[in-house]
Amino acid sequence: MVSLKITTVGNSTGVILPKEALAMLKVRKGDTVVLTETPSGVLITPYDPEFEKDMERASRIMGRYRNALRELAK
């Protein structure tokens, strides 16, 4: 476990990730990460544009077949 300090970054507030954390995430300066709230805290993962596209497709399909999915869930 690594303890990080909240700091001022320009006009914002942020966290500086150590090299080891960047290596574990396989990201570097300029890359985008995603914060996801979980029951045990916040998960940081690299941004994956393909995953984002897949989730958008899934959302449209779920909206289109909402009633059928609701019936299947019973």
C-alpha atoms as a PDB file:
ATOM      1  CA  MET A   1       0.000   0.000   0.000  1.00  0.00           C
ATOM      2  CA  VAL A   2       1.264   3.460  -0.905  1.00  0.00           C
ATOM      3  CA  SER A   3       0.170   6.586   0.926  1.00  0.00           C
ATOM      4  CA  LEU A   4      -0.244   9.620  -1.354  1.00  0.00           C
ATOM      5  CA  LYS A   5      -0.627  13.265  -0.426  1.00  0.00           C
ATOM      6  CA  ILE A   6      -3.231  15.576  -1.984  1.00  0.00           C
ATOM      7  CA  THR A   7      -1.421  18.580  -3.449  1.00  0.00           C
ATOM      8  CA  THR A   8      -2.011  21.670  -5.557  1.00  0.00           C
ATOM      9  CA  VAL A   9      -1.381  21.160  -9.282  1.00  0.00           C
ATOM     10  CA  GLY A  10      -1.738  24.474 -11.085  1.00  0.00           C
ATOM     11  CA  ASN A  11      -5.227  25.769 -10.257  1.00  0.00           C
ATOM     12  CA  SER A  12      -6.448  22.269  -9.360  1.00  0.00           C
ATOM     13  CA  THR A  13      -5.942  19.703  -6.656  1.00  0.00           C
ATOM     14  CA  GLY A  14      -4.354  16.380  -7.489  1.00  0.00           C
ATOM     15  CA  VAL A  15      -2.306  13.373  -6.528  1.00  0.00           C
ATOM     16  CA  ILE A  16       1.179  12.686  -7.856  1.00  0.00           C
ATOM     17  CA  LEU A  17       1.607   9.001  -8.688  1.00  0.00           C
ATOM     18  CA  PRO A  18       5.060   7.532  -8.071  1.00  0.00           C
ATOM     19  CA  LYS A  19       6.962   5.788 -10.892  1.00  0.00           C
ATOM     20  CA  GLU A  20       6.132   2.388  -9.407  1.00  0.00           C
ATOM     21  CA  ALA A  21       2.377   3.079  -9.597  1.00  0.00           C
ATOM     22  CA  LEU A  22       2.689   4.263 -13.208  1.00  0.00           C
ATOM     23  CA  ALA A  23       4.593   1.086 -14.047  1.00  0.00           C
ATOM     24  CA  MET A  24       1.922  -1.098 -12.400  1.00  0.00           C
ATOM     25  CA  LEU A  25      -0.803   0.686 -14.377  1.00  0.00           C
ATOM     26  CA  LYS A  26       1.332   0.570 -17.543  1.00  0.00           C
ATOM     27  CA  VAL A  27       0.686   4.285 -18.165  1.00  0.00           C
ATOM     28  CA  ARG A  28       2.926   7.285 -18.669  1.00  0.00           C
ATOM     29  CA  LYS A  29       2.672  11.063 -18.709  1.00  0.00           C
ATOM     30  CA  GLY A  30      -0.140  12.165 -21.026  1.00  0.00           C
ATOM     31  CA  ASP A  31      -2.120   8.910 -20.811  1.00  0.00           C
ATOM     32  CA  THR A  32      -5.688   8.900 -19.476  1.00  0.00           C
ATOM     33  CA  VAL A  33      -6.858   6.845 -16.511  1.00  0.00           C
ATOM     34  CA  VAL A  34     -10.366   6.062 -15.273  1.00  0.00           C
ATOM     35  CA  LEU A  35     -11.522   6.301 -11.659  1.00  0.00           C
ATOM     36  CA  THR A  36     -14.251   3.813 -10.745  1.00  0.00           C
ATOM     37  CA  GLU A  37     -16.025   3.805  -7.406  1.00  0.00           C
ATOM     38  CA  THR A  38     -16.170   0.336  -5.850  1.00  0.00           C
ATOM     39  CA  PRO A  39     -17.567  -0.906  -2.522  1.00  0.00           C
ATOM     40  CA  SER A  40     -14.027  -0.974  -1.119  1.00  0.00           C
ATOM     41  CA  GLY A  41     -12.850   2.399  -2.473  1.00  0.00           C
ATOM     42  CA  VAL A  42     -11.733   3.860  -5.783  1.00  0.00           C
ATOM     43  CA  LEU A  43     -10.153   1.814  -8.576  1.00  0.00           C
ATOM     44  CA  ILE A  44      -7.714   3.470 -11.002  1.00  0.00           C
ATOM     45  CA  THR A  45      -7.347   1.789 -14.397  1.00  0.00           C
ATOM     46  CA  PRO A  46      -5.899   2.821 -17.750  1.00  0.00           C
ATOM     47  CA  TYR A  47      -8.449   4.276 -20.180  1.00  0.00           C
ATOM     48  CA  ASP A  48      -9.335   1.850 -22.974  1.00  0.00           C
ATOM     49  CA  PRO A  49     -11.194   3.481 -25.890  1.00  0.00           C
ATOM     50  CA  GLU A  50     -12.297   0.063 -27.232  1.00  0.00           C
ATOM     51  CA  PHE A  51     -13.876  -0.791 -23.881  1.00  0.00           C
ATOM     52  CA  GLU A  52     -15.636   2.586 -23.891  1.00  0.00           C
ATOM     53  CA  LYS A  53     -17.088   1.859 -27.349  1.00  0.00           C
ATOM     54  CA  ASP A  54     -18.221  -1.606 -26.210  1.00  0.00           C
ATOM     55  CA  MET A  55     -19.942  -0.128 -23.155  1.00  0.00           C
ATOM     56  CA  GLU A  56     -21.747   2.469 -25.309  1.00  0.00           C
ATOM     57  CA  ARG A  57     -22.982  -0.313 -27.622  1.00  0.00           C
ATOM     58  CA  ALA A  58     -24.104  -2.398 -24.648  1.00  0.00           C
ATOM     59  CA  SER A  59     -25.985   0.573 -23.194  1.00  0.00           C
ATOM     60  CA  ARG A  60     -27.846   1.165 -26.470  1.00  0.00           C
ATOM     61  CA  ILE A  61     -28.753  -2.534 -26.732  1.00  0.00           C
ATOM     62  CA  MET A  62     -29.936  -2.661 -23.123  1.00  0.00           C
ATOM     63  CA  GLY A  63     -32.091   0.404 -23.724  1.00  0.00           C
ATOM     64  CA  ARG A  64     -33.586  -1.041 -26.883  1.00  0.00           C
ATOM     65  CA  TYR A  65     -34.365  -4.423 -25.290  1.00  0.00           C
ATOM     66  CA  ARG A  66     -35.106  -3.140 -21.774  1.00  0.00           C
ATOM     67  CA  ASN A  67     -38.462  -4.932 -21.446  1.00  0.00           C
ATOM     68  CA  ALA A  68     -37.144  -8.263 -22.726  1.00  0.00           C
ATOM     69  CA  LEU A  69     -34.128  -8.061 -20.401  1.00  0.00           C
ATOM     70  CA  ARG A  70     -36.397  -7.226 -17.462  1.00  0.00           C
ATOM     71  CA  GLU A  71     -38.506 -10.333 -18.190  1.00  0.00           C
ATOM     72  CA  LEU A  72     -35.416 -12.522 -18.524  1.00  0.00           C
ATOM     73  CA  ALA A  73     -34.160 -11.271 -15.155  1.00  0.00           C
ATOM     74  CA  LYS A  74     -37.267 -12.602 -13.368  1.00  0.00           C
END
